C-alpha atoms as a PDB file:
ATOM      1  CA  UNK A   1      28.697  -9.776  30.513  1.00  0.00           C
ATOM      2  CA  UNK A   2      26.794  -6.700  29.215  1.00  0.00           C
ATOM      3  CA  UNK A   3      26.600  -3.464  30.723  1.00  0.00           C
ATOM      4  CA  UNK A   4      22.864  -3.536  31.672  1.00  0.00           C
ATOM      5  CA  UNK A   5      19.876  -5.901  31.757  1.00  0.00           C
ATOM      6  CA  UNK A   6      16.400  -4.760  31.281  1.00  0.00           C
ATOM      7  CA  UNK A   7      13.957  -6.995  32.513  1.00  0.00           C
ATOM      8  CA  UNK A   8      10.375  -5.990  31.190  1.00  0.00           C
ATOM      9  CA  UNK A   9      10.290  -5.143  27.544  1.00  0.00           C
ATOM     10  CA  UNK A  10       7.064  -2.838  27.107  1.00  0.00           C
ATOM     11  CA  UNK A  11       6.821   0.681  26.962  1.00  0.00           C
ATOM     12  CA  UNK A  12       9.389   1.458  30.150  1.00  0.00           C
ATOM     13  CA  UNK A  13      11.620  -1.267  29.306  1.00  0.00           C
ATOM     14  CA  UNK A  14      11.817  -0.494  25.582  1.00  0.00           C
ATOM     15  CA  UNK A  15      12.623   2.967  26.452  1.00  0.00           C
ATOM     16  CA  UNK A  16      15.168   2.729  28.723  1.00  0.00           C
ATOM     17  CA  UNK A  17      16.961  -0.017  26.416  1.00  0.00           C
ATOM     18  CA  UNK A  18      16.707   2.412  23.459  1.00  0.00           C
ATOM     19  CA  UNK A  19      18.352   5.275  25.444  1.00  0.00           C
ATOM     20  CA  UNK A  20      21.305   2.939  26.791  1.00  0.00           C
ATOM     21  CA  UNK A  21      21.988   1.383  23.454  1.00  0.00           C
ATOM     22  CA  UNK A  22      22.093   5.164  22.000  1.00  0.00           C
ATOM     23  CA  UNK A  23      24.819   5.383  24.637  1.00  0.00           C
ATOM     24  CA  UNK A  24      26.782   2.629  23.167  1.00  0.00           C
ATOM     25  CA  UNK A  25      26.146   0.606  25.973  1.00  0.00           C
ATOM     26  CA  UNK A  26      25.488  -3.155  25.738  1.00  0.00           C
ATOM     27  CA  UNK A  27      21.910  -3.985  26.827  1.00  0.00           C
ATOM     28  CA  UNK A  28      20.165  -6.816  26.939  1.00  0.00           C
ATOM     29  CA  UNK A  29      16.221  -6.616  27.093  1.00  0.00           C
ATOM     30  CA  UNK A  30      14.256  -9.810  28.419  1.00  0.00           C
ATOM     31  CA  UNK A  31      10.504 -10.083  28.085  1.00  0.00           C
ATOM     32  CA  UNK A  32       8.274 -12.975  28.863  1.00  0.00           C
ATOM     33  CA  UNK A  33       5.823 -11.420  26.041  1.00  0.00           C
ATOM     34  CA  UNK A  34       2.495 -10.963  28.342  1.00  0.00           C
ATOM     35  CA  UNK A  35       2.179  -7.363  28.749  1.00  0.00           C
ATOM     36  CA  UNK A  36      -0.715  -6.059  30.958  1.00  0.00           C
ATOM     37  CA  UNK A  37      -2.083  -4.153  27.936  1.00  0.00           C
ATOM     38  CA  UNK A  38      -2.512  -7.106  25.801  1.00  0.00           C
ATOM     39  CA  UNK A  39      -6.326  -6.892  26.158  1.00  0.00           C
ATOM     40  CA  UNK A  40      -6.719  -3.411  25.051  1.00  0.00           C
ATOM     41  CA  UNK A  41      -7.568  -2.453  21.492  1.00  0.00           C
ATOM     42  CA  UNK A  42      -5.793   1.063  22.059  1.00  0.00           C
ATOM     43  CA  UNK A  43      -3.159   2.843  24.012  1.00  0.00           C
ATOM     44  CA  UNK A  44      -3.931   6.231  25.277  1.00  0.00           C
ATOM     45  CA  UNK A  45      -2.409   9.077  26.771  1.00  0.00           C
ATOM     46  CA  UNK A  46       1.065   7.827  25.435  1.00  0.00           C
ATOM     47  CA  UNK A  47       2.616  10.977  23.729  1.00  0.00           C
ATOM     48  CA  UNK A  48       2.950  10.675  19.852  1.00  0.00           C
ATOM     49  CA  UNK A  49       0.954   6.998  19.979  1.00  0.00           C
ATOM     50  CA  UNK A  50      -2.339   7.832  21.089  1.00  0.00           C
ATOM     51  CA  UNK A  51      -5.076   5.287  19.930  1.00  0.00           C
ATOM     52  CA  UNK A  52      -2.547   3.023  18.518  1.00  0.00           C
ATOM     53  CA  UNK A  53      -2.873  -0.648  19.151  1.00  0.00           C
ATOM     54  CA  UNK A  54      -0.103  -1.502  22.202  1.00  0.00           C
ATOM     55  CA  UNK A  55       1.239  -4.462  19.885  1.00  0.00           C
ATOM     56  CA  UNK A  56       1.580  -1.932  16.945  1.00  0.00           C
ATOM     57  CA  UNK A  57       3.595   0.555  19.483  1.00  0.00           C
ATOM     58  CA  UNK A  58       5.850  -2.648  20.448  1.00  0.00           C
ATOM     59  CA  UNK A  59       6.511  -3.574  16.848  1.00  0.00           C
ATOM     60  CA  UNK A  60       7.721  -0.565  16.063  1.00  0.00           C
ATOM     61  CA  UNK A  61       9.965  -0.177  19.211  1.00  0.00           C
ATOM     62  CA  UNK A  62      11.418  -3.418  18.506  1.00  0.00           C
ATOM     63  CA  UNK A  63      12.474  -2.684  15.026  1.00  0.00           C
ATOM     64  CA  UNK A  64      13.944   0.703  16.091  1.00  0.00           C
ATOM     65  CA  UNK A  65      15.898  -0.824  19.236  1.00  0.00           C
ATOM     66  CA  UNK A  66      17.179  -3.746  16.795  1.00  0.00           C
ATOM     67  CA  UNK A  67      18.805  -1.164  14.712  1.00  0.00           C
ATOM     68  CA  UNK A  68      21.206  -0.428  17.722  1.00  0.00           C
ATOM     69  CA  UNK A  69      24.397  -3.008  17.224  1.00  0.00           C
ATOM     70  CA  UNK A  70      24.781  -3.048  21.222  1.00  0.00           C
ATOM     71  CA  UNK A  71      21.132  -4.370  22.184  1.00  0.00           C
ATOM     72  CA  UNK A  72      19.918  -7.561  21.942  1.00  0.00           C
ATOM     73  CA  UNK A  73      16.202  -8.885  22.853  1.00  0.00           C
ATOM     74  CA  UNK A  74      15.450 -12.248  24.476  1.00  0.00           C
ATOM     75  CA  UNK A  75      12.009 -13.312  24.688  1.00  0.00           C
ATOM     76  CA  UNK A  76      11.912 -15.084  27.873  1.00  0.00           C
ATOM     77  CA  UNK A  77      10.670 -15.413  31.526  1.00  0.00           C
ATOM     78  CA  UNK A  78      13.231 -13.929  34.235  1.00  0.00           C
ATOM     79  CA  UNK A  79      12.888 -16.303  37.142  1.00  0.00           C
ATOM     80  CA  UNK A  80      15.566 -15.001  39.627  1.00  0.00           C
ATOM     81  CA  UNK A  81      18.177 -12.235  39.743  1.00  0.00           C
ATOM     82  CA  UNK A  82      21.162 -12.637  42.162  1.00  0.00           C
ATOM     83  CA  UNK A  83      23.747 -10.041  43.141  1.00  0.00           C
ATOM     84  CA  UNK A  84      27.264 -11.293  42.767  1.00  0.00           C
ATOM     85  CA  UNK A  85      29.526  -8.510  44.266  1.00  0.00           C
ATOM     86  CA  UNK A  86      29.276  -5.577  41.610  1.00  0.00           C
ATOM     87  CA  UNK A  87      27.363  -7.629  38.984  1.00  0.00           C
ATOM     88  CA  UNK A  88      24.036  -9.326  38.933  1.00  0.00           C
ATOM     89  CA  UNK A  89      23.189 -12.446  37.373  1.00  0.00           C
ATOM     90  CA  UNK A  90      19.334 -13.450  35.714  1.00  0.00           C
ATOM     91  CA  UNK A  91      18.453 -16.934  35.380  1.00  0.00           C
ATOM     92  CA  UNK A  92      15.630 -17.510  32.706  1.00  0.00           C
ATOM     93  CA  UNK A  93      12.783 -20.011  32.721  1.00  0.00           C
ATOM     94  CA  UNK A  94      15.086 -21.982  29.864  1.00  0.00           C
ATOM     95  CA  UNK A  95      17.915 -22.282  32.412  1.00  0.00           C
ATOM     96  CA  UNK A  96      19.965 -19.692  30.810  1.00  0.00           C
ATOM     97  CA  UNK A  97      21.647 -17.221  32.590  1.00  0.00           C
ATOM     98  CA  UNK A  98      23.086 -13.562  31.866  1.00  0.00           C
ATOM     99  CA  UNK A  99      25.111 -11.195  33.738  1.00  0.00           C
ATOM    100  CA  UNK A 100      25.262  -7.501  33.809  1.00  0.00           C
ATOM    101  CA  UNK A 101      27.008  -4.696  35.711  1.00  0.00           C
ATOM    102  CA  UNK A 102      23.305  -2.874  35.946  1.00  0.00           C
ATOM    103  CA  UNK A 103      19.925  -4.089  36.105  1.00  0.00           C
ATOM    104  CA  UNK A 104      16.776  -2.055  35.321  1.00  0.00           C
ATOM    105  CA  UNK A 105      13.281  -3.643  36.514  1.00  0.00           C
ATOM    106  CA  UNK A 106      10.532  -2.373  34.280  1.00  0.00           C
ATOM    107  CA  UNK A 107       8.130  -5.305  34.935  1.00  0.00           C
ATOM    108  CA  UNK A 108       4.990  -2.964  34.893  1.00  0.00           C
ATOM    109  CA  UNK A 109       2.009  -3.851  37.011  1.00  0.00           C
ATOM    110  CA  UNK A 110       0.398  -7.516  37.125  1.00  0.00           C
ATOM    111  CA  UNK A 111      -3.338  -7.977  38.100  1.00  0.00           C
ATOM    112  CA  UNK A 112      -4.193 -10.508  40.648  1.00  0.00           C
ATOM    113  CA  UNK A 113      -7.618 -11.254  40.182  1.00  0.00           C
ATOM    114  CA  UNK A 114     -10.586 -12.175  42.594  1.00  0.00           C
ATOM    115  CA  UNK A 115     -11.807 -15.617  42.834  1.00  0.00           C
ATOM    116  CA  UNK A 116     -15.059 -14.740  41.253  1.00  0.00           C
ATOM    117  CA  UNK A 117     -16.470 -17.337  38.893  1.00  0.00           C
ATOM    118  CA  UNK A 118     -16.481 -15.842  34.983  1.00  0.00           C
ATOM    119  CA  UNK A 119     -13.801 -12.725  35.872  1.00  0.00           C
ATOM    120  CA  UNK A 120     -10.829 -14.622  34.445  1.00  0.00           C
ATOM    121  CA  UNK A 121     -12.691 -15.224  31.082  1.00  0.00           C
ATOM    122  CA  UNK A 122     -13.946 -11.850  30.579  1.00  0.00           C
ATOM    123  CA  UNK A 123     -10.858  -9.945  31.932  1.00  0.00           C
ATOM    124  CA  UNK A 124      -9.874  -7.280  29.346  1.00  0.00           C
ATOM    125  CA  UNK A 125     -12.805  -7.553  27.451  1.00  0.00           C
ATOM    126  CA  UNK A 126     -16.165  -6.811  29.443  1.00  0.00           C
ATOM    127  CA  UNK A 127     -14.287  -6.811  32.862  1.00  0.00           C
ATOM    128  CA  UNK A 128     -12.109  -3.659  32.554  1.00  0.00           C
ATOM    129  CA  UNK A 129      -8.967  -2.541  34.731  1.00  0.00           C
ATOM    130  CA  UNK A 130      -7.981   0.531  32.853  1.00  0.00           C
ATOM    131  CA  UNK A 131      -9.821   3.543  32.386  1.00  0.00           C
ATOM    132  CA  UNK A 132      -7.231   4.979  29.839  1.00  0.00           C
ATOM    133  CA  UNK A 133      -7.239   1.765  27.617  1.00  0.00           C
ATOM    134  CA  UNK A 134     -10.954   1.119  28.105  1.00  0.00           C
ATOM    135  CA  UNK A 135     -12.574   4.250  29.155  1.00  0.00           C
END
């Protein structure tokens, strides 16, 4: 049992987890490792990080979060969440389950691609979805 489980470990999830860890709360950050910005060469409009590669920002954030003894990071896919009275149970793709008193969903946005031949292969390369990353 931990104080908080954060599902989604990219910018918002990492920011939430580090604040909780600084408050000495036990926090488990669960992330599937497929950020929406994985196709972008640089992130823009993010204070203090403008122009940095998203994976560089995440590596630095992960290293900072790992310094807090009350924080854990787990790379896996959260499949299901159930509320059991005053606690939450998160079920992972590997069949593991974890419980927490609170839950933060920081899963971001996912893209649903149109059924047009060639779009999936070009997504994030020449078919662009984010004017801030690619503009």
